[in-house]
Amino acid sequence: MSAAPTAVFDLDGTLIDTAPDLLEAVNAVLESEKVGHVHRDDLNHLVGHGGRAMIKAAYAKFEREADEQTLDRLIPVFIEAYSQSMPGQSKPYEGVIDLVNELRAQEWRCAVCTNKMIGLAKPLLKALEINELFDHVAGGDSYPFKKPDPRHIEQTIIDAGGLPGKAVMFGDSENDILAAKSGNIPVIAVDFGYTPKHVSTFGPERVISSYLDLAVQDIDQLLRT
């Protein structure tokens, strides 16, 4: 019996819109340090890059430097603020949970592969009551490698019980798309995520503007091309 196909979803900007709560966590850090206040447009393009990048950019906006020692001190403040508000305003994108349920009904395996720390990714999925929809969740600290390293996606697929040669990746960023393409895994990119460049720039097999535009048959087709 052949292995079931696997659909792998990035988290921030692909599966869930987490930007409002991550921004609030950054502002909690800034408030604790009396630095200032940032808005979504200031940091939206950095949401998928982690707390360190967001804090560093927020400091730079106010012509302040956050060196590595400062970031080491501030990251626990960021994590605490983000964890305490979970799930906050974060919510799955329209249509994605229906798609996951349809995939599962058609015997697909579903997984999450994110560079977000696993200690934040899993509680978020649980708080949104969608954790049981996924056969495996891998964070940026789950393995010794992370996106754009293709092994991050490949190992996620394997741990979900699938085969890398029979999988499709959903992502919103250059890291997602390059990691999948390096592993010869077809990519469906969403254009409503957090990347500063349009996702078509990175050469995904398909770009969608809504999960409502996508049927399981469309995803099946990518495995046959």
Protein backbone atom coordinates (compact mmCIF):
# COMPACT_ATOMS: atom_id res chain seq x y z
CA MET A 1 0.00 0.00 0.00
CA SER A 2 1.47 3.37 -1.04
CA ALA A 3 1.90 6.22 1.42
CA ALA A 4 -0.79 8.88 1.57
CA PRO A 5 0.12 12.29 0.12
CA THR A 6 1.06 15.04 2.58
CA ALA A 7 0.11 18.71 2.66
CA VAL A 8 2.59 20.83 4.63
CA PHE A 9 1.59 24.31 5.81
CA ASP A 10 3.79 27.11 7.01
CA LEU A 11 2.20 28.77 10.06
CA ASP A 12 2.60 32.57 10.24
CA GLY A 13 1.16 34.25 7.16
CA THR A 14 0.06 30.98 5.55
CA LEU A 15 -2.14 29.04 7.94
CA ILE A 16 -2.80 31.73 10.56
CA ASP A 17 -2.73 35.52 10.55
CA THR A 18 -0.58 36.06 13.63
CA ALA A 19 0.73 39.55 12.88
CA PRO A 20 -1.51 41.50 15.30
CA ASP A 21 -0.40 39.50 18.34
CA LEU A 22 3.27 39.38 17.39
CA LEU A 23 3.20 43.15 16.95
CA GLU A 24 1.63 43.56 20.38
CA ALA A 25 4.41 41.42 21.86
CA VAL A 26 7.05 43.60 20.21
CA ASN A 27 5.35 46.71 21.56
CA ALA A 28 5.33 45.15 25.03
CA VAL A 29 9.10 44.85 24.74
CA LEU A 30 9.45 48.43 23.52
CA GLU A 31 7.23 49.70 26.33
CA SER A 32 9.31 47.85 28.93
CA GLU A 33 12.41 49.56 27.57
CA LYS A 34 10.71 52.94 26.99
CA VAL A 35 11.73 52.89 23.33
CA GLY A 36 8.51 53.77 21.48
CA HIS A 37 5.61 52.15 19.63
CA VAL A 38 5.48 50.52 16.18
CA HIS A 39 2.64 49.79 13.81
CA ARG A 40 1.86 46.80 11.59
CA ASP A 41 3.19 48.46 8.44
CA ASP A 42 6.56 48.90 10.16
CA LEU A 43 7.15 45.20 10.79
CA ASN A 44 4.65 43.20 8.72
CA HIS A 45 7.36 41.97 6.33
CA LEU A 46 9.37 40.57 9.27
CA VAL A 47 6.64 38.55 11.00
CA GLY A 48 7.88 35.24 9.62
CA HIS A 49 11.49 35.99 10.58
CA GLY A 50 11.06 35.65 14.34
CA GLY A 51 11.06 37.87 17.39
CA ARG A 52 14.74 38.80 17.23
CA ALA A 53 14.41 40.28 13.74
CA MET A 54 11.23 42.14 14.69
CA ILE A 55 12.74 43.64 17.85
CA LYS A 56 15.95 44.59 16.05
CA ALA A 57 13.97 46.35 13.30
CA ALA A 58 11.73 48.08 15.85
CA TYR A 59 14.79 49.44 17.64
CA ALA A 60 16.28 50.62 14.35
CA LYS A 61 13.10 52.56 13.59
CA PHE A 62 13.90 54.70 16.61
CA GLU A 63 17.59 54.88 15.70
CA ARG A 64 18.48 52.53 18.51
CA GLU A 65 20.66 49.44 18.21
CA ALA A 66 19.68 46.10 19.71
CA ASP A 67 22.86 44.06 19.86
CA GLU A 68 22.90 40.31 20.47
CA GLN A 69 23.26 40.71 24.23
CA THR A 70 20.27 43.06 24.30
CA LEU A 71 18.22 40.69 22.16
CA ASP A 72 19.09 37.77 24.45
CA ARG A 73 17.69 39.82 27.34
CA LEU A 74 14.56 40.95 25.52
CA ILE A 75 13.46 37.72 23.83
CA PRO A 76 12.09 36.23 27.09
CA VAL A 77 10.01 39.41 27.53
CA PHE A 78 8.70 39.00 23.99
CA ILE A 79 7.88 35.31 24.48
CA GLU A 80 6.11 35.97 27.77
CA ALA A 81 3.98 38.75 26.30
CA TYR A 82 3.11 36.70 23.23
CA SER A 83 2.33 33.53 25.20
CA GLN A 84 0.11 35.32 27.72
CA SER A 85 -2.17 36.73 25.01
CA MET A 86 -2.50 33.54 22.96
CA PRO A 87 -4.50 33.14 20.77
CA GLY A 88 -5.41 36.83 21.01
CA GLN A 89 -6.45 38.19 17.62
CA SER A 90 -4.71 35.41 15.68
CA LYS A 91 -7.02 33.37 13.48
CA PRO A 92 -6.81 30.93 10.56
CA TYR A 93 -7.18 32.45 7.11
CA GLU A 94 -10.59 32.13 5.52
CA GLY A 95 -11.16 28.73 3.97
CA VAL A 96 -7.97 27.04 5.13
CA ILE A 97 -9.51 24.87 7.85
CA ASP A 98 -12.21 23.71 5.44
CA LEU A 99 -9.43 22.80 3.00
CA VAL A 100 -7.50 20.87 5.66
CA ASN A 101 -10.64 18.97 6.61
CA GLU A 102 -11.31 18.16 2.96
CA LEU A 103 -7.74 16.95 2.49
CA ARG A 104 -8.02 14.72 5.54
CA ALA A 105 -11.35 13.37 4.29
CA GLN A 106 -9.57 12.37 1.09
CA GLU A 107 -6.85 10.58 3.10
CA TRP A 108 -4.14 13.22 2.89
CA ARG A 109 -1.81 13.69 5.81
CA CYS A 110 -1.46 17.28 7.00
CA ALA A 111 1.48 18.87 8.80
CA VAL A 112 2.81 22.23 9.92
CA CYS A 113 6.42 23.27 9.25
CA THR A 114 7.28 26.64 10.76
CA ASN A 115 10.40 28.52 11.82
CA LYS A 116 8.42 29.63 14.89
CA MET A 117 9.66 27.97 18.08
CA ILE A 118 7.76 24.76 18.75
CA GLY A 119 6.95 25.99 22.27
CA LEU A 120 4.92 28.79 20.68
CA ALA A 121 3.58 26.99 17.60
CA LYS A 122 1.91 24.07 19.35
CA PRO A 123 0.18 26.13 22.07
CA LEU A 124 -1.16 28.48 19.40
CA LEU A 125 -2.67 25.62 17.39
CA LYS A 126 -4.12 24.17 20.59
CA ALA A 127 -5.57 27.53 21.68
CA LEU A 128 -7.28 27.80 18.30
CA GLU A 129 -8.53 24.21 18.72
CA ILE A 130 -7.05 23.02 15.43
CA ASN A 131 -4.01 21.09 16.68
CA GLU A 132 -5.67 17.71 16.16
CA LEU A 133 -6.05 18.38 12.44
CA PHE A 134 -2.32 17.91 11.92
CA ASP A 135 -0.38 14.67 11.94
CA HIS A 136 2.83 16.46 12.90
CA VAL A 137 3.97 19.98 13.83
CA ALA A 138 7.62 20.97 13.45
CA GLY A 139 9.05 24.25 14.72
CA GLY A 140 12.23 26.12 13.97
CA ASP A 141 13.91 24.41 16.93
CA SER A 142 12.55 20.90 16.32
CA TYR A 143 15.57 19.81 14.28
CA PRO A 144 19.18 20.98 13.83
CA PHE A 145 18.05 22.72 10.62
CA LYS A 146 15.20 25.00 9.55
CA LYS A 147 13.85 26.64 6.42
CA PRO A 148 15.25 27.53 3.91
CA ASP A 149 17.04 24.20 4.48
CA PRO A 150 14.89 21.64 2.59
CA ARG A 151 15.53 19.05 5.29
CA HIS A 152 13.18 20.95 7.59
CA ILE A 153 10.24 20.25 5.29
CA GLU A 154 11.43 16.77 4.36
CA GLN A 155 11.78 15.65 7.98
CA THR A 156 8.40 17.15 8.83
CA ILE A 157 6.81 15.07 6.07
CA ILE A 158 8.56 11.92 7.25
CA ASP A 159 7.52 12.51 10.86
CA ALA A 160 3.93 13.02 9.66
CA GLY A 161 4.09 9.55 8.12
CA GLY A 162 4.48 10.69 4.53
CA LEU A 163 7.08 10.69 1.78
CA PRO A 164 8.88 13.84 0.57
CA GLY A 165 8.32 12.73 -3.01
CA LYS A 166 4.56 12.74 -2.46
CA ALA A 167 3.92 16.09 -0.81
CA VAL A 168 2.88 19.68 -1.47
CA MET A 169 4.06 22.74 0.50
CA PHE A 170 1.93 25.80 1.28
CA GLY A 171 3.87 28.95 2.13
CA ASP A 172 3.99 32.73 1.98
CA SER A 173 7.71 33.48 2.02
CA GLU A 174 10.97 33.06 0.17
CA ASN A 175 12.17 30.64 2.87
CA ASP A 176 9.13 28.40 2.37
CA ILE A 177 9.35 28.36 -1.40
CA LEU A 178 13.12 27.94 -1.71
CA ALA A 179 13.19 25.16 0.89
CA ALA A 180 10.46 23.24 -0.92
CA LYS A 181 11.92 23.77 -4.37
CA SER A 182 15.35 22.64 -3.16
CA GLY A 183 13.68 19.41 -2.06
CA ASN A 184 11.74 19.06 -5.35
CA ILE A 185 8.45 19.57 -3.49
CA PRO A 186 5.81 21.57 -5.41
CA VAL A 187 4.69 24.80 -3.76
CA ILE A 188 1.38 26.61 -3.55
CA ALA A 189 2.15 30.16 -2.43
CA VAL A 190 -0.36 32.50 -0.83
CA ASP A 191 -0.06 36.18 -1.73
CA PHE A 192 -1.66 37.52 1.46
CA GLY A 193 1.20 36.66 3.83
CA TYR A 194 4.10 38.65 5.18
CA THR A 195 6.77 38.64 2.47
CA PRO A 196 7.95 42.09 1.27
CA LYS A 197 8.13 40.82 -2.33
CA HIS A 198 5.29 39.23 -4.26
CA VAL A 199 5.56 35.45 -3.87
CA SER A 200 5.53 34.92 -7.64
CA THR A 201 9.09 36.31 -7.60
CA PHE A 202 10.30 33.05 -6.05
CA GLY A 203 8.82 30.71 -8.65
CA PRO A 204 6.14 28.64 -6.88
CA GLU A 205 4.08 26.24 -8.95
CA ARG A 206 0.91 28.15 -8.13
CA VAL A 207 -0.10 31.40 -6.40
CA ILE A 208 -3.47 31.82 -4.72
CA SER A 209 -5.17 34.84 -3.22
CA SER A 210 -7.71 32.81 -1.24
CA TYR A 211 -8.06 29.22 -0.09
CA LEU A 212 -11.60 29.43 -1.43
CA ASP A 213 -10.06 29.38 -4.91
CA LEU A 214 -8.45 25.99 -4.34
CA ALA A 215 -9.86 22.46 -4.56
CA VAL A 216 -8.20 19.21 -3.52
CA GLN A 217 -8.20 18.22 -7.19
CA ASP A 218 -5.97 21.22 -7.93
CA ILE A 219 -3.49 20.03 -5.29
CA ASP A 220 -3.62 16.45 -6.59
CA GLN A 221 -2.68 17.76 -10.02
CA LEU A 222 0.61 19.15 -8.70
CA LEU A 223 1.66 15.64 -7.68
CA ARG A 224 1.07 14.38 -11.20
CA THR A 225 3.06 17.06 -13.03
